[in-house]
C-alpha atoms as a PDB file:
ATOM      1  CA  UNK A   1    -133.420  93.117 -21.867  1.00  0.00           C
ATOM      2  CA  UNK A   2    -133.692  89.370 -21.351  1.00  0.00           C
ATOM      3  CA  UNK A   3    -132.732  87.783 -18.059  1.00  0.00           C
ATOM      4  CA  UNK A   4    -132.690  84.393 -16.401  1.00  0.00           C
ATOM      5  CA  UNK A   5    -133.827  83.614 -12.897  1.00  0.00           C
ATOM      6  CA  UNK A   6    -136.106  85.299 -10.436  1.00  0.00           C
ATOM      7  CA  UNK A   7    -137.369  88.693 -11.666  1.00  0.00           C
ATOM      8  CA  UNK A   8    -137.669  89.979  -8.085  1.00  0.00           C
ATOM      9  CA  UNK A   9    -134.008  89.203  -7.429  1.00  0.00           C
ATOM     10  CA  UNK A  10    -132.887  90.764 -10.717  1.00  0.00           C
ATOM     11  CA  UNK A  11    -134.855  93.943 -10.115  1.00  0.00           C
ATOM     12  CA  UNK A  12    -133.465  94.205  -6.580  1.00  0.00           C
ATOM     13  CA  UNK A  13    -129.897  93.965  -7.928  1.00  0.00           C
ATOM     14  CA  UNK A  14    -130.700  96.690 -10.414  1.00  0.00           C
ATOM     15  CA  UNK A  15    -132.303  98.897  -7.752  1.00  0.00           C
ATOM     16  CA  UNK A  16    -129.333  98.429  -5.393  1.00  0.00           C
ATOM     17  CA  UNK A  17    -126.769  99.173  -8.107  1.00  0.00           C
ATOM     18  CA  UNK A  18    -128.663 102.248  -9.239  1.00  0.00           C
ATOM     19  CA  UNK A  19    -128.978 103.528  -5.661  1.00  0.00           C
ATOM     20  CA  UNK A  20    -125.192 103.414  -5.310  1.00  0.00           C
ATOM     21  CA  UNK A  21    -125.023 105.805  -8.273  1.00  0.00           C
ATOM     22  CA  UNK A  22    -127.753 108.133  -6.982  1.00  0.00           C
ATOM     23  CA  UNK A  23    -130.551 106.811  -9.194  1.00  0.00           C
ATOM     24  CA  UNK A  24    -133.899 106.020  -7.551  1.00  0.00           C
ATOM     25  CA  UNK A  25    -136.510 103.511  -8.685  1.00  0.00           C
ATOM     26  CA  UNK A  26    -140.251 103.920  -8.221  1.00  0.00           C
ATOM     27  CA  UNK A  27    -142.247 100.818  -9.049  1.00  0.00           C
ATOM     28  CA  UNK A  28    -142.263  97.069  -8.680  1.00  0.00           C
ATOM     29  CA  UNK A  29    -141.312  93.946 -10.606  1.00  0.00           C
ATOM     30  CA  UNK A  30    -144.047  94.595 -13.193  1.00  0.00           C
ATOM     31  CA  UNK A  31    -143.415  98.259 -14.080  1.00  0.00           C
ATOM     32  CA  UNK A  32    -141.993 101.516 -12.856  1.00  0.00           C
ATOM     33  CA  UNK A  33    -139.655 104.400 -13.489  1.00  0.00           C
ATOM     34  CA  UNK A  34    -136.177 105.526 -12.502  1.00  0.00           C
ATOM     35  CA  UNK A  35    -134.450 108.895 -12.267  1.00  0.00           C
ATOM     36  CA  UNK A  36    -131.492 110.673 -10.755  1.00  0.00           C
ATOM     37  CA  UNK A  37    -128.182 112.290 -11.675  1.00  0.00           C
ATOM     38  CA  UNK A  38    -129.258 113.081 -15.215  1.00  0.00           C
ATOM     39  CA  UNK A  39    -130.676 109.636 -15.954  1.00  0.00           C
ATOM     40  CA  UNK A  40    -134.372 108.925 -16.372  1.00  0.00           C
ATOM     41  CA  UNK A  41    -136.620 106.332 -17.915  1.00  0.00           C
ATOM     42  CA  UNK A  42    -139.207 103.676 -17.270  1.00  0.00           C
ATOM     43  CA  UNK A  43    -139.621  99.918 -17.576  1.00  0.00           C
ATOM     44  CA  UNK A  44    -142.095  97.069 -17.619  1.00  0.00           C
ATOM     45  CA  UNK A  45    -141.707  93.312 -17.551  1.00  0.00           C
ATOM     46  CA  UNK A  46    -142.908  90.835 -20.155  1.00  0.00           C
ATOM     47  CA  UNK A  47    -142.117  87.372 -18.803  1.00  0.00           C
ATOM     48  CA  UNK A  48    -138.339  86.976 -18.720  1.00  0.00           C
ATOM     49  CA  UNK A  49    -137.675  90.340 -20.389  1.00  0.00           C
ATOM     50  CA  UNK A  50    -137.493  93.817 -18.883  1.00  0.00           C
ATOM     51  CA  UNK A  51    -138.460  96.357 -21.534  1.00  0.00           C
ATOM     52  CA  UNK A  52    -136.501  99.490 -20.611  1.00  0.00           C
ATOM     53  CA  UNK A  53    -136.970 102.920 -22.143  1.00  0.00           C
ATOM     54  CA  UNK A  54    -134.156 105.343 -21.367  1.00  0.00           C
ATOM     55  CA  UNK A  55    -135.357 108.921 -21.765  1.00  0.00           C
ATOM     56  CA  UNK A  56    -132.300 110.948 -20.696  1.00  0.00           C
ATOM     57  CA  UNK A  57    -128.682 110.120 -19.892  1.00  0.00           C
ATOM     58  CA  UNK A  58    -125.986 112.106 -18.062  1.00  0.00           C
ATOM     59  CA  UNK A  59    -123.871 114.384 -20.240  1.00  0.00           C
ATOM     60  CA  UNK A  60    -120.805 112.125 -20.464  1.00  0.00           C
ATOM     61  CA  UNK A  61    -122.660 108.823 -20.949  1.00  0.00           C
ATOM     62  CA  UNK A  62    -124.287 107.250 -23.985  1.00  0.00           C
ATOM     63  CA  UNK A  63    -127.589 105.440 -24.238  1.00  0.00           C
ATOM     64  CA  UNK A  64    -125.682 102.282 -25.204  1.00  0.00           C
ATOM     65  CA  UNK A  65    -123.436 102.625 -22.161  1.00  0.00           C
ATOM     66  CA  UNK A  66    -126.408 102.911 -19.814  1.00  0.00           C
ATOM     67  CA  UNK A  67    -128.131  99.970 -21.502  1.00  0.00           C
ATOM     68  CA  UNK A  68    -124.983  97.861 -21.141  1.00  0.00           C
ATOM     69  CA  UNK A  69    -124.750  98.665 -17.430  1.00  0.00           C
ATOM     70  CA  UNK A  70    -128.411  97.733 -16.884  1.00  0.00           C
ATOM     71  CA  UNK A  71    -127.912  94.469 -18.767  1.00  0.00           C
ATOM     72  CA  UNK A  72    -124.843  93.671 -16.639  1.00  0.00           C
ATOM     73  CA  UNK A  73    -126.958  93.865 -13.469  1.00  0.00           C
ATOM     74  CA  UNK A  74    -129.533  91.538 -15.006  1.00  0.00           C
ATOM     75  CA  UNK A  75    -126.821  89.042 -16.010  1.00  0.00           C
ATOM     76  CA  UNK A  76    -125.295  88.767 -12.521  1.00  0.00           C
END
């Protein structure tokens, strides 16, 4: 997922948004994982791109829906 700007700021927005939904992050701006409320996955950064692998999603959500929400946080 490409982004512009400071990767630390983008990751913090993502972490804050996820926390509001009960999803916790474990990691830093280079790599880590996330899980909570039926969602899990991991990520790593390659320059101005976060490579995100979504392993599980909550019952009523789709992988595309989760990916779109993550991308929206990175575009803010």
